[in-house]
Structures are given as structure tokens and as C-alpha cells.
Amino acid sequence: MHFTIPIPDSLPAMTVKELLEDYFLIPRKIRHFLRTKKQVRVNGQVMNWQSPVCAGDLLELTFDEEDYPEKSIPLGDARLVEELYQDEHLIIVNKPEGMKTHGNEPTEIALLNHVSAYVGQTCYVVHRLDMETSGAILFAKNPFILPILNRLLEDKRIAREYLALCQGTFAQKQLTLRHKIGRDRYDRRKRVVDNRKGQAAVTHVTFLKKMGENSLVACQLETGRTHQIRVHLAHEGHALVGDPLYSQKTAPRLMLHAHKLSLTHPLTLKEISVEARSQSFEAGLKE
């Protein structure tokens, strides 16, 4: 793999070593290969590890097969992919409901396989959506950018907003749910609120409008626990309409849609914000 990366004006001044180690999160072993093989160049010149990198410089990185061994997965159907954004390093697509983000077995075909077929190379999962949930989802296109995107996710610098149709009415416009979430001891498919042993989970909920006996809300995640929105709202007495695990109210689909995803591109510092639509979700709002 070979990348040419223009250093953006807003990137703070740092050395080559700091850029590769602290900002790009390149593992120690691979940094060693880059240094000994002289495969880091700035403006066409092999640079000392302590040399400064400045705005406007052109960084070139060359990785060998031994640095990032090629990973191969079965390719899916590129026609099933709806692209929302794509560049050299990442792709955001609109996931349909009823499709897994990735397979549980090496031969199982899921969205990851379809996206890899669409891009023409193996892609990597950054975050996931439940099979029943539709909407915007981010994939890395190479193993170099993957840990950088993972760090953005951990640092809560990838904003994800969901629309949900849930049961009942809300007494307040906004609320934040902080119940810890753990596994259900009796049903391995489910999660439960477990404030003693569960993992920290934070969901911000904004009431949007009343729709008959239900309410349309927007949810922003600070954490990404399995079934987080579904469990939090169900615990508050506002189970999602059509939720096969946590609701008694049936519908053609789970009424949860990841309609917006935003981040600052870690290499270009460009602001990226996409919105995804779902015909089935919108149809569910009208029923």
C-alpha cells in the first residue's frame, strides 16, 4: 500500500515520529519497518524521525505486505450497496434493515462482504448496526486507517444520530439515559439494564413529535453497547415499535434508523456529514 497525504493547515506542528506514533497510531513493529526501509518521505525526501512536519508538506507512506498482511473475505453483491460517501480511506453506506453488518462465520455473507465487492477490496468494520436497524454505517477501506477511526469512535468524535418510533408519550423534551447494560441471563439474544455488573451506556433522547399512541424521538449515542437504544427506551417504558425482542407491539420492521453520521476526517480534517433515508422506516411512520 502506498499513500500520499497532504498535511492540512490545521494540523498541529509535530515531528515525523509524533505523527506516525501518536496521530496515525501505527504499531511499533510497522514503524520500525518504515524507518529501516526508509519508506517515509516528506516532500519526496527521506526524513529524520525527529524532523518537523509542517502544514502543506506532502507525506508519503509505503507499506509492504508483511506490514499489513492481505485479508481476504468472500465478496458479496455490489448492487446491494447504497453509497453515502467514499474516499481513498473510508466509505459510508446506507444499511438496509434485515441485513447483518458482518457475518458470524467466515463464509457468511453480510453487508461487509457487499461493501467489499462494491469497493473492489476487503473493507473493515468500524462500528456495527443491529441486523434489524437501517441507516448510515462507516467502514474502513484499509488496515492503516482502521485504528485511527476506532480511536475517533472511542473518543466520541464520530457523531451518530438515530430516529426511533417508540411507545407512549414523554413528559420532557430531552432526557439522558445512563443505565448500565449487561447480558440477559435467560436469553443470550437479549441485553438488560444491569446497574451493578453492566457496562456504562449513555443515550441522549430528544422528543420530536407525537404520532398517535407513539412518539418519534432522536437518539444520540455516547457509547455503543449492543441494543443500547432498544434496551434504554424499553427500560423507561418506551419500547421501540416492531422490536422483536423488547416490545409486544408488532410492525413490519424495527422502527429504528441511523439517519445521520458525522465526523472530521482524521487525515484531511474535512468535515463529513451524511444523512440516510429509509423508505420502509418512513412508511412505518405513516401507518
C-alpha atoms as a PDB file:
ATOM      1  CA  MET A   1       0.000   0.000   0.000  1.00  0.00           C
ATOM      2  CA  HIS A   2       1.200   3.469  -0.839  1.00  0.00           C
ATOM      3  CA  PHE A   3      -0.419   6.657   0.445  1.00  0.00           C
ATOM      4  CA  THR A   4       0.309  10.284  -0.341  1.00  0.00           C
ATOM      5  CA  ILE A   5      -1.147  12.512   2.371  1.00  0.00           C
ATOM      6  CA  PRO A   6      -1.083  16.338   2.182  1.00  0.00           C
ATOM      7  CA  ILE A   7      -0.591  17.743   5.693  1.00  0.00           C
ATOM      8  CA  PRO A   8      -3.609  20.028   6.317  1.00  0.00           C
ATOM      9  CA  ASP A   9      -3.141  23.600   7.511  1.00  0.00           C
ATOM     10  CA  SER A  10      -4.931  22.993  10.812  1.00  0.00           C
ATOM     11  CA  LEU A  11      -2.808  20.018  11.900  1.00  0.00           C
ATOM     12  CA  PRO A  12      -0.602  20.998  14.877  1.00  0.00           C
ATOM     13  CA  ALA A  13       3.157  21.057  14.301  1.00  0.00           C
ATOM     14  CA  MET A  14       4.850  17.778  15.255  1.00  0.00           C
ATOM     15  CA  THR A  15       7.781  15.546  14.360  1.00  0.00           C
ATOM     16  CA  VAL A  16       7.654  12.610  11.957  1.00  0.00           C
ATOM     17  CA  LYS A  17       7.857  10.283  14.977  1.00  0.00           C
ATOM     18  CA  GLU A  18       4.953  12.003  16.757  1.00  0.00           C
ATOM     19  CA  LEU A  19       2.850  11.988  13.596  1.00  0.00           C
ATOM     20  CA  LEU A  20       3.284   8.247  12.985  1.00  0.00           C
ATOM     21  CA  GLU A  21       3.147   7.159  16.622  1.00  0.00           C
ATOM     22  CA  ASP A  22       0.633   9.447  18.324  1.00  0.00           C
ATOM     23  CA  TYR A  23      -1.588  10.669  15.490  1.00  0.00           C
ATOM     24  CA  PHE A  24      -1.630   7.815  12.951  1.00  0.00           C
ATOM     25  CA  LEU A  25      -1.327   5.123  15.683  1.00  0.00           C
ATOM     26  CA  ILE A  26       0.979   2.994  13.538  1.00  0.00           C
ATOM     27  CA  PRO A  27       2.130  -0.028  15.599  1.00  0.00           C
ATOM     28  CA  ARG A  28       5.724  -0.077  16.841  1.00  0.00           C
ATOM     29  CA  LYS A  29       6.755  -3.016  14.629  1.00  0.00           C
ATOM     30  CA  ILE A  30       5.441  -1.341  11.475  1.00  0.00           C
ATOM     31  CA  ARG A  31       7.038   1.989  12.413  1.00  0.00           C
ATOM     32  CA  HIS A  32      10.325   0.102  12.711  1.00  0.00           C
ATOM     33  CA  PHE A  33       9.896  -1.318   9.189  1.00  0.00           C
ATOM     34  CA  LEU A  34       9.033   2.120   7.803  1.00  0.00           C
ATOM     35  CA  ARG A  35      12.149   3.598   9.379  1.00  0.00           C
ATOM     36  CA  THR A  36      14.663   0.877   8.464  1.00  0.00           C
ATOM     37  CA  LYS A  37      13.333   0.561   4.907  1.00  0.00           C
ATOM     38  CA  LYS A  38      13.234   4.366   4.519  1.00  0.00           C
ATOM     39  CA  GLN A  39       9.614   4.226   3.413  1.00  0.00           C
ATOM     40  CA  VAL A  40       8.573   7.524   4.961  1.00  0.00           C
ATOM     41  CA  ARG A  41       9.145  10.559   2.794  1.00  0.00           C
ATOM     42  CA  VAL A  42       8.205  14.198   3.221  1.00  0.00           C
ATOM     43  CA  ASN A  43       8.163  16.278   0.040  1.00  0.00           C
ATOM     44  CA  GLY A  44       9.963  13.423  -1.721  1.00  0.00           C
ATOM     45  CA  GLN A  45      12.833  13.240   0.781  1.00  0.00           C
ATOM     46  CA  VAL A  46      13.607  10.546   3.359  1.00  0.00           C
ATOM     47  CA  MET A  47      13.315  12.345   6.674  1.00  0.00           C
ATOM     48  CA  ASN A  48      14.943  12.014  10.067  1.00  0.00           C
ATOM     49  CA  TRP A  49      12.499  10.679  12.671  1.00  0.00           C
ATOM     50  CA  GLN A  50      12.789  13.928  14.637  1.00  0.00           C
ATOM     51  CA  SER A  51      12.278  16.194  11.625  1.00  0.00           C
ATOM     52  CA  PRO A  52       9.278  18.526  11.870  1.00  0.00           C
ATOM     53  CA  VAL A  53       6.240  18.050   9.666  1.00  0.00           C
ATOM     54  CA  CYS A  54       4.557  21.288   8.682  1.00  0.00           C
ATOM     55  CA  ALA A  55       1.272  22.335   7.105  1.00  0.00           C
ATOM     56  CA  GLY A  56       1.460  22.000   3.334  1.00  0.00           C
ATOM     57  CA  ASP A  57       4.051  19.197   3.410  1.00  0.00           C
ATOM     58  CA  LEU A  58       3.390  16.068   1.358  1.00  0.00           C
ATOM     59  CA  LEU A  59       3.767  12.870   3.397  1.00  0.00           C
ATOM     60  CA  GLU A  60       4.363   9.575   1.580  1.00  0.00           C
ATOM     61  CA  LEU A  61       3.981   6.223   3.326  1.00  0.00           C
ATOM     62  CA  THR A  62       4.714   2.862   1.714  1.00  0.00           C
ATOM     63  CA  PHE A  63       3.666  -0.334   3.455  1.00  0.00           C
ATOM     64  CA  ASP A  64       4.836  -3.813   2.463  1.00  0.00           C
ATOM     65  CA  GLU A  65       2.756  -6.988   2.553  1.00  0.00           C
ATOM     66  CA  GLU A  66       4.476  -8.034   5.786  1.00  0.00           C
ATOM     67  CA  ASP A  67       3.339  -4.780   7.423  1.00  0.00           C
ATOM     68  CA  TYR A  68      -0.355  -5.386   6.814  1.00  0.00           C
ATOM     69  CA  PRO A  69      -0.898  -8.946   5.500  1.00  0.00           C
ATOM     70  CA  GLU A  70      -3.710  -9.031   2.976  1.00  0.00           C
ATOM     71  CA  LYS A  71      -7.010 -10.180   4.414  1.00  0.00           C
ATOM     72  CA  SER A  72      -9.425 -11.913   2.074  1.00  0.00           C
ATOM     73  CA  ILE A  73     -13.162 -12.399   2.593  1.00  0.00           C
ATOM     74  CA  PRO A  74     -15.861 -13.688   0.235  1.00  0.00           C
ATOM     75  CA  LEU A  75     -17.243 -10.895  -1.925  1.00  0.00           C
ATOM     76  CA  GLY A  76     -20.959 -10.185  -1.858  1.00  0.00           C
ATOM     77  CA  ASP A  77     -23.243  -8.311  -4.261  1.00  0.00           C
ATOM     78  CA  ALA A  78     -22.124  -4.746  -5.041  1.00  0.00           C
ATOM     79  CA  ARG A  79     -25.627  -3.921  -6.299  1.00  0.00           C
ATOM     80  CA  LEU A  80     -26.936  -4.065  -2.726  1.00  0.00           C
ATOM     81  CA  VAL A  81     -24.764  -1.129  -1.602  1.00  0.00           C
ATOM     82  CA  GLU A  82     -26.072   2.441  -1.384  1.00  0.00           C
ATOM     83  CA  GLU A  83     -23.060   4.746  -1.062  1.00  0.00           C
ATOM     84  CA  LEU A  84     -23.402   7.907   1.018  1.00  0.00           C
ATOM     85  CA  TYR A  85     -19.727   8.965   0.987  1.00  0.00           C
ATOM     86  CA  GLN A  86     -16.431   7.480  -0.153  1.00  0.00           C
ATOM     87  CA  ASP A  87     -12.787   8.499  -0.449  1.00  0.00           C
ATOM     88  CA  GLU A  88      -9.435   6.703  -0.554  1.00  0.00           C
ATOM     89  CA  HIS A  89      -9.641   5.608   3.066  1.00  0.00           C
ATOM     90  CA  LEU A  90     -13.255   5.176   4.153  1.00  0.00           C
ATOM     91  CA  ILE A  91     -16.773   4.570   2.927  1.00  0.00           C
ATOM     92  CA  ILE A  92     -20.172   5.299   4.493  1.00  0.00           C
ATOM     93  CA  VAL A  93     -23.174   3.362   3.206  1.00  0.00           C
ATOM     94  CA  ASN A  94     -26.888   3.131   3.921  1.00  0.00           C
ATOM     95  CA  LYS A  95     -27.545  -0.274   5.509  1.00  0.00           C
ATOM     96  CA  PRO A  96     -30.943  -1.837   4.810  1.00  0.00           C
ATOM     97  CA  GLU A  97     -32.913  -3.377   7.663  1.00  0.00           C
ATOM     98  CA  GLY A  98     -32.774  -7.156   7.916  1.00  0.00           C
ATOM     99  CA  MET A  99     -29.096  -7.428   6.959  1.00  0.00           C
ATOM    100  CA  LYS A 100     -26.205  -8.213   9.302  1.00  0.00           C
ATOM    101  CA  THR A 101     -23.274  -5.794   9.441  1.00  0.00           C
ATOM    102  CA  HIS A 102     -20.826  -8.709   9.322  1.00  0.00           C
ATOM    103  CA  GLY A 103     -21.123 -12.470   9.325  1.00  0.00           C
ATOM    104  CA  ASN A 104     -20.583 -14.660  12.382  1.00  0.00           C
ATOM    105  CA  GLU A 105     -18.795 -17.278  10.302  1.00  0.00           C
ATOM    106  CA  PRO A 106     -16.021 -16.735   7.678  1.00  0.00           C
ATOM    107  CA  THR A 107     -18.288 -17.911   4.854  1.00  0.00           C
ATOM    108  CA  GLU A 108     -21.399 -15.977   5.916  1.00  0.00           C
ATOM    109  CA  ILE A 109     -22.290 -13.137   3.551  1.00  0.00           C
ATOM    110  CA  ALA A 110     -23.317  -9.820   5.137  1.00  0.00           C
ATOM    111  CA  LEU A 111     -23.085  -6.081   4.460  1.00  0.00           C
ATOM    112  CA  LEU A 112     -19.295  -6.111   4.919  1.00  0.00           C
ATOM    113  CA  ASN A 113     -18.998  -8.562   2.029  1.00  0.00           C
ATOM    114  CA  HIS A 114     -21.282  -6.485  -0.200  1.00  0.00           C
ATOM    115  CA  VAL A 115     -19.320  -3.303   0.588  1.00  0.00           C
ATOM    116  CA  SER A 116     -16.028  -5.077  -0.160  1.00  0.00           C
ATOM    117  CA  ALA A 117     -17.424  -6.158  -3.536  1.00  0.00           C
ATOM    118  CA  TYR A 118     -18.583  -2.592  -4.214  1.00  0.00           C
ATOM    119  CA  VAL A 119     -15.186  -1.091  -3.335  1.00  0.00           C
ATOM    120  CA  GLY A 120     -13.195  -3.877  -5.008  1.00  0.00           C
ATOM    121  CA  GLN A 121     -11.105  -4.702  -1.935  1.00  0.00           C
ATOM    122  CA  THR A 122     -11.525  -6.054   1.576  1.00  0.00           C
ATOM    123  CA  CYS A 123     -13.041  -3.471   3.920  1.00  0.00           C
ATOM    124  CA  TYR A 124     -13.102  -3.375   7.724  1.00  0.00           C
ATOM    125  CA  VAL A 125     -15.899  -2.803  10.256  1.00  0.00           C
ATOM    126  CA  VAL A 126     -15.547   0.363  12.365  1.00  0.00           C
ATOM    127  CA  HIS A 127     -18.894   0.102  14.160  1.00  0.00           C
ATOM    128  CA  ARG A 128     -21.980  -2.018  13.639  1.00  0.00           C
ATOM    129  CA  LEU A 129     -25.742  -1.732  13.445  1.00  0.00           C
ATOM    130  CA  ASP A 130     -28.132  -4.417  14.652  1.00  0.00           C
ATOM    131  CA  MET A 131     -29.481  -6.587  11.851  1.00  0.00           C
ATOM    132  CA  GLU A 132     -32.965  -5.065  12.266  1.00  0.00           C
ATOM    133  CA  THR A 133     -31.660  -1.468  12.189  1.00  0.00           C
ATOM    134  CA  SER A 134     -31.165   0.520   8.985  1.00  0.00           C
ATOM    135  CA  GLY A 135     -29.080   3.583   8.208  1.00  0.00           C
ATOM    136  CA  ALA A 136     -25.645   5.163   7.941  1.00  0.00           C
ATOM    137  CA  ILE A 137     -22.673   2.956   8.799  1.00  0.00           C
ATOM    138  CA  LEU A 138     -18.933   3.514   8.419  1.00  0.00           C
ATOM    139  CA  PHE A 139     -16.300   1.101   7.073  1.00  0.00           C
ATOM    140  CA  ALA A 140     -12.515   1.478   6.749  1.00  0.00           C
ATOM    141  CA  LYS A 141     -11.099   0.710   3.311  1.00  0.00           C
ATOM    142  CA  ASN A 142      -7.636  -0.275   4.542  1.00  0.00           C
ATOM    143  CA  PRO A 143      -5.975  -1.511   7.762  1.00  0.00           C
ATOM    144  CA  PHE A 144      -3.938   1.708   8.047  1.00  0.00           C
ATOM    145  CA  ILE A 145      -6.962   3.940   8.693  1.00  0.00           C
ATOM    146  CA  LEU A 146      -8.854   1.386  10.830  1.00  0.00           C
ATOM    147  CA  PRO A 147      -7.217   2.080  14.242  1.00  0.00           C
ATOM    148  CA  ILE A 148      -7.443   5.832  13.612  1.00  0.00           C
ATOM    149  CA  LEU A 149     -11.198   5.583  13.020  1.00  0.00           C
ATOM    150  CA  ASN A 150     -11.527   3.268  16.026  1.00  0.00           C
ATOM    151  CA  ARG A 151      -9.870   5.923  18.172  1.00  0.00           C
ATOM    152  CA  LEU A 152     -12.285   8.580  16.896  1.00  0.00           C
ATOM    153  CA  LEU A 153     -15.149   6.291  17.870  1.00  0.00           C
ATOM    154  CA  GLU A 154     -13.716   5.663  21.338  1.00  0.00           C
ATOM    155  CA  ASP A 155     -13.135   9.400  21.819  1.00  0.00           C
ATOM    156  CA  LYS A 156     -16.772  10.106  20.856  1.00  0.00           C
ATOM    157  CA  ARG A 157     -15.717  12.097  17.800  1.00  0.00           C
ATOM    158  CA  ILE A 158     -17.958  10.169  15.412  1.00  0.00           C
ATOM    159  CA  ALA A 159     -21.481  11.512  15.958  1.00  0.00           C
ATOM    160  CA  ARG A 160     -24.349   9.124  15.268  1.00  0.00           C
ATOM    161  CA  GLU A 161     -27.986  10.172  15.423  1.00  0.00           C
ATOM    162  CA  TYR A 162     -30.884   7.737  15.243  1.00  0.00           C
ATOM    163  CA  LEU A 163     -34.602   8.169  14.703  1.00  0.00           C
ATOM    164  CA  ALA A 164     -36.835   5.858  16.713  1.00  0.00           C
ATOM    165  CA  LEU A 165     -40.584   5.348  16.932  1.00  0.00           C
ATOM    166  CA  CYS A 166     -41.358   4.231  20.443  1.00  0.00           C
ATOM    167  CA  GLN A 167     -44.401   3.588  22.562  1.00  0.00           C
ATOM    168  CA  GLY A 168     -46.028   6.145  24.813  1.00  0.00           C
ATOM    169  CA  THR A 169     -45.531   9.840  25.447  1.00  0.00           C
ATOM    170  CA  PHE A 170     -42.700  11.832  27.008  1.00  0.00           C
ATOM    171  CA  ALA A 171     -43.137  14.315  29.841  1.00  0.00           C
ATOM    172  CA  GLN A 172     -39.988  16.211  28.876  1.00  0.00           C
ATOM    173  CA  LYS A 173     -38.387  17.364  25.641  1.00  0.00           C
ATOM    174  CA  GLN A 174     -34.936  15.970  26.401  1.00  0.00           C
ATOM    175  CA  LEU A 175     -33.520  13.337  28.706  1.00  0.00           C
ATOM    176  CA  THR A 176     -30.276  11.403  29.119  1.00  0.00           C
ATOM    177  CA  LEU A 177     -30.349   7.704  29.973  1.00  0.00           C
ATOM    178  CA  ARG A 178     -27.312   6.338  31.825  1.00  0.00           C
ATOM    179  CA  HIS A 179     -28.369   2.831  32.819  1.00  0.00           C
ATOM    180  CA  LYS A 180     -25.593   0.245  32.604  1.00  0.00           C
ATOM    181  CA  ILE A 181     -26.254  -2.611  30.198  1.00  0.00           C
ATOM    182  CA  GLY A 182     -25.427  -6.288  30.635  1.00  0.00           C
ATOM    183  CA  ARG A 183     -26.395  -9.667  29.191  1.00  0.00           C
ATOM    184  CA  ASP A 184     -29.730 -11.285  29.915  1.00  0.00           C
ATOM    185  CA  ARG A 185     -29.016 -14.455  31.938  1.00  0.00           C
ATOM    186  CA  TYR A 186     -32.028 -16.256  30.490  1.00  0.00           C
ATOM    187  CA  ASP A 187     -31.875 -15.248  26.806  1.00  0.00           C
ATOM    188  CA  ARG A 188     -28.470 -14.890  25.143  1.00  0.00           C
ATOM    189  CA  ARG A 189     -30.000 -12.779  22.350  1.00  0.00           C
ATOM    190  CA  LYS A 190     -31.057 -10.041  24.745  1.00  0.00           C
ATOM    191  CA  ARG A 191     -29.490  -7.351  26.895  1.00  0.00           C
ATOM    192  CA  VAL A 192     -30.865  -5.896  30.133  1.00  0.00           C
ATOM    193  CA  VAL A 193     -30.283  -2.918  32.385  1.00  0.00           C
ATOM    194  CA  ASP A 194     -27.781  -4.092  34.999  1.00  0.00           C
ATOM    195  CA  ASN A 195     -26.532  -1.162  37.052  1.00  0.00           C
ATOM    196  CA  ARG A 196     -24.405  -3.426  39.254  1.00  0.00           C
ATOM    197  CA  LYS A 197     -22.437  -5.513  36.728  1.00  0.00           C
ATOM    198  CA  GLY A 198     -23.282  -3.946  33.371  1.00  0.00           C
ATOM    199  CA  GLN A 199     -21.192  -1.739  31.091  1.00  0.00           C
ATOM    200  CA  ALA A 200     -21.574   2.034  31.131  1.00  0.00           C
ATOM    201  CA  ALA A 201     -24.010   3.276  28.486  1.00  0.00           C
ATOM    202  CA  VAL A 202     -25.220   6.807  27.723  1.00  0.00           C
ATOM    203  CA  THR A 203     -28.077   7.688  25.364  1.00  0.00           C
ATOM    204  CA  HIS A 204     -29.348  11.235  24.779  1.00  0.00           C
ATOM    205  CA  VAL A 205     -33.025  11.312  23.772  1.00  0.00           C
ATOM    206  CA  THR A 206     -34.887  14.246  22.189  1.00  0.00           C
ATOM    207  CA  PHE A 207     -38.662  14.104  21.777  1.00  0.00           C
ATOM    208  CA  LEU A 208     -39.648  15.203  18.264  1.00  0.00           C
ATOM    209  CA  LYS A 209     -43.390  14.663  17.902  1.00  0.00           C
ATOM    210  CA  LYS A 210     -46.376  12.621  18.985  1.00  0.00           C
ATOM    211  CA  MET A 211     -47.635  10.077  16.443  1.00  0.00           C
ATOM    212  CA  GLY A 212     -50.899   8.568  17.677  1.00  0.00           C
ATOM    213  CA  GLU A 213     -50.093   6.425  20.701  1.00  0.00           C
ATOM    214  CA  ASN A 214     -46.389   6.539  19.859  1.00  0.00           C
ATOM    215  CA  SER A 215     -43.598   9.118  19.892  1.00  0.00           C
ATOM    216  CA  LEU A 216     -40.880   9.901  17.360  1.00  0.00           C
ATOM    217  CA  VAL A 217     -37.569  10.626  19.091  1.00  0.00           C
ATOM    218  CA  ALA A 218     -33.986  11.338  18.083  1.00  0.00           C
ATOM    219  CA  CYS A 219     -31.215   9.491  19.940  1.00  0.00           C
ATOM    220  CA  GLN A 220     -27.522  10.352  20.134  1.00  0.00           C
ATOM    221  CA  LEU A 221     -25.086   7.749  21.429  1.00  0.00           C
ATOM    222  CA  GLU A 222     -22.107   8.418  23.657  1.00  0.00           C
ATOM    223  CA  THR A 223     -21.398   4.694  23.875  1.00  0.00           C
ATOM    224  CA  GLY A 224     -22.108   1.811  21.540  1.00  0.00           C
ATOM    225  CA  ARG A 225     -23.407  -1.087  23.609  1.00  0.00           C
ATOM    226  CA  THR A 226     -25.321  -3.876  21.926  1.00  0.00           C
ATOM    227  CA  HIS A 227     -29.047  -2.961  21.667  1.00  0.00           C
ATOM    228  CA  GLN A 228     -28.319   0.216  23.651  1.00  0.00           C
ATOM    229  CA  ILE A 229     -31.170   2.411  22.395  1.00  0.00           C
ATOM    230  CA  ARG A 230     -33.595  -0.509  22.411  1.00  0.00           C
ATOM    231  CA  VAL A 231     -32.779  -1.518  26.000  1.00  0.00           C
ATOM    232  CA  HIS A 232     -32.661   2.022  27.389  1.00  0.00           C
ATOM    233  CA  LEU A 233     -36.014   3.055  25.938  1.00  0.00           C
ATOM    234  CA  ALA A 234     -37.700  -0.249  26.799  1.00  0.00           C
ATOM    235  CA  HIS A 235     -36.498   0.115  30.401  1.00  0.00           C
ATOM    236  CA  GLU A 236     -38.184   3.539  30.526  1.00  0.00           C
ATOM    237  CA  GLY A 237     -41.470   2.083  29.291  1.00  0.00           C
ATOM    238  CA  HIS A 238     -40.942   3.285  25.714  1.00  0.00           C
ATOM    239  CA  ALA A 239     -40.117   0.092  23.834  1.00  0.00           C
ATOM    240  CA  LEU A 240     -39.488   0.556  20.123  1.00  0.00           C
ATOM    241  CA  VAL A 241     -42.356  -0.273  17.816  1.00  0.00           C
ATOM    242  CA  GLY A 242     -41.670  -3.514  15.973  1.00  0.00           C
ATOM    243  CA  ASP A 243     -38.855  -4.617  18.270  1.00  0.00           C
ATOM    244  CA  PRO A 244     -38.896  -8.451  18.175  1.00  0.00           C
ATOM    245  CA  LEU A 245     -37.044  -8.753  21.495  1.00  0.00           C
ATOM    246  CA  TYR A 246     -38.199  -5.914  23.735  1.00  0.00           C
ATOM    247  CA  SER A 247     -41.700  -4.954  22.551  1.00  0.00           C
ATOM    248  CA  GLN A 248     -45.128  -6.522  22.293  1.00  0.00           C
ATOM    249  CA  LYS A 249     -46.167  -4.020  19.611  1.00  0.00           C
ATOM    250  CA  THR A 250     -45.643  -5.566  16.206  1.00  0.00           C
ATOM    251  CA  ALA A 251     -44.755  -3.784  12.979  1.00  0.00           C
ATOM    252  CA  PRO A 252     -43.291  -4.794   9.609  1.00  0.00           C
ATOM    253  CA  ARG A 253     -39.830  -3.753  10.871  1.00  0.00           C
ATOM    254  CA  LEU A 254     -37.961  -2.473  13.918  1.00  0.00           C
ATOM    255  CA  MET A 255     -38.605   1.270  13.921  1.00  0.00           C
ATOM    256  CA  LEU A 256     -35.012   2.358  14.461  1.00  0.00           C
ATOM    257  CA  HIS A 257     -32.986   4.130  11.769  1.00  0.00           C
ATOM    258  CA  ALA A 258     -29.464   5.614  11.906  1.00  0.00           C
ATOM    259  CA  HIS A 259     -30.266   8.704   9.879  1.00  0.00           C
ATOM    260  CA  LYS A 260     -27.135  10.830  10.384  1.00  0.00           C
ATOM    261  CA  LEU A 261     -23.386  10.233  10.799  1.00  0.00           C
ATOM    262  CA  SER A 262     -20.765  12.981  11.141  1.00  0.00           C
ATOM    263  CA  LEU A 263     -17.017  13.093  11.695  1.00  0.00           C
ATOM    264  CA  THR A 264     -13.896  15.099  10.957  1.00  0.00           C
ATOM    265  CA  HIS A 265     -11.750  13.135   8.507  1.00  0.00           C
ATOM    266  CA  PRO A 266      -8.599  12.287  10.508  1.00  0.00           C
ATOM    267  CA  LEU A 267      -6.238  12.742   7.524  1.00  0.00           C
ATOM    268  CA  THR A 268      -7.719  15.713   5.664  1.00  0.00           C
ATOM    269  CA  LEU A 269      -9.563  17.284   8.642  1.00  0.00           C
ATOM    270  CA  LYS A 270     -12.502  17.749   6.285  1.00  0.00           C
ATOM    271  CA  GLU A 271     -15.932  17.799   7.930  1.00  0.00           C
ATOM    272  CA  ILE A 272     -18.056  14.873   6.716  1.00  0.00           C
ATOM    273  CA  SER A 273     -21.766  14.654   7.451  1.00  0.00           C
ATOM    274  CA  VAL A 274     -24.201  12.321   5.698  1.00  0.00           C
ATOM    275  CA  GLU A 275     -27.894  11.598   6.069  1.00  0.00           C
ATOM    276  CA  ALA A 276     -29.529   8.307   5.176  1.00  0.00           C
ATOM    277  CA  ARG A 277     -33.152   7.683   4.274  1.00  0.00           C
ATOM    278  CA  SER A 278     -35.204   4.511   4.547  1.00  0.00           C
ATOM    279  CA  GLN A 279     -38.424   4.030   2.630  1.00  0.00           C
ATOM    280  CA  SER A 280     -39.566   1.253   4.959  1.00  0.00           C
ATOM    281  CA  PHE A 281     -38.919   3.394   8.068  1.00  0.00           C
ATOM    282  CA  GLU A 282     -40.754   6.367   6.557  1.00  0.00           C
ATOM    283  CA  ALA A 283     -43.627   4.080   5.561  1.00  0.00           C
ATOM    284  CA  GLY A 284     -43.788   2.809   9.143  1.00  0.00           C
ATOM    285  CA  LEU A 285     -44.251   6.353  10.413  1.00  0.00           C
ATOM    286  CA  LYS A 286     -47.341   6.781   8.252  1.00  0.00           C
ATOM    287  CA  GLU A 287     -49.115   3.632   9.403  1.00  0.00           C
END
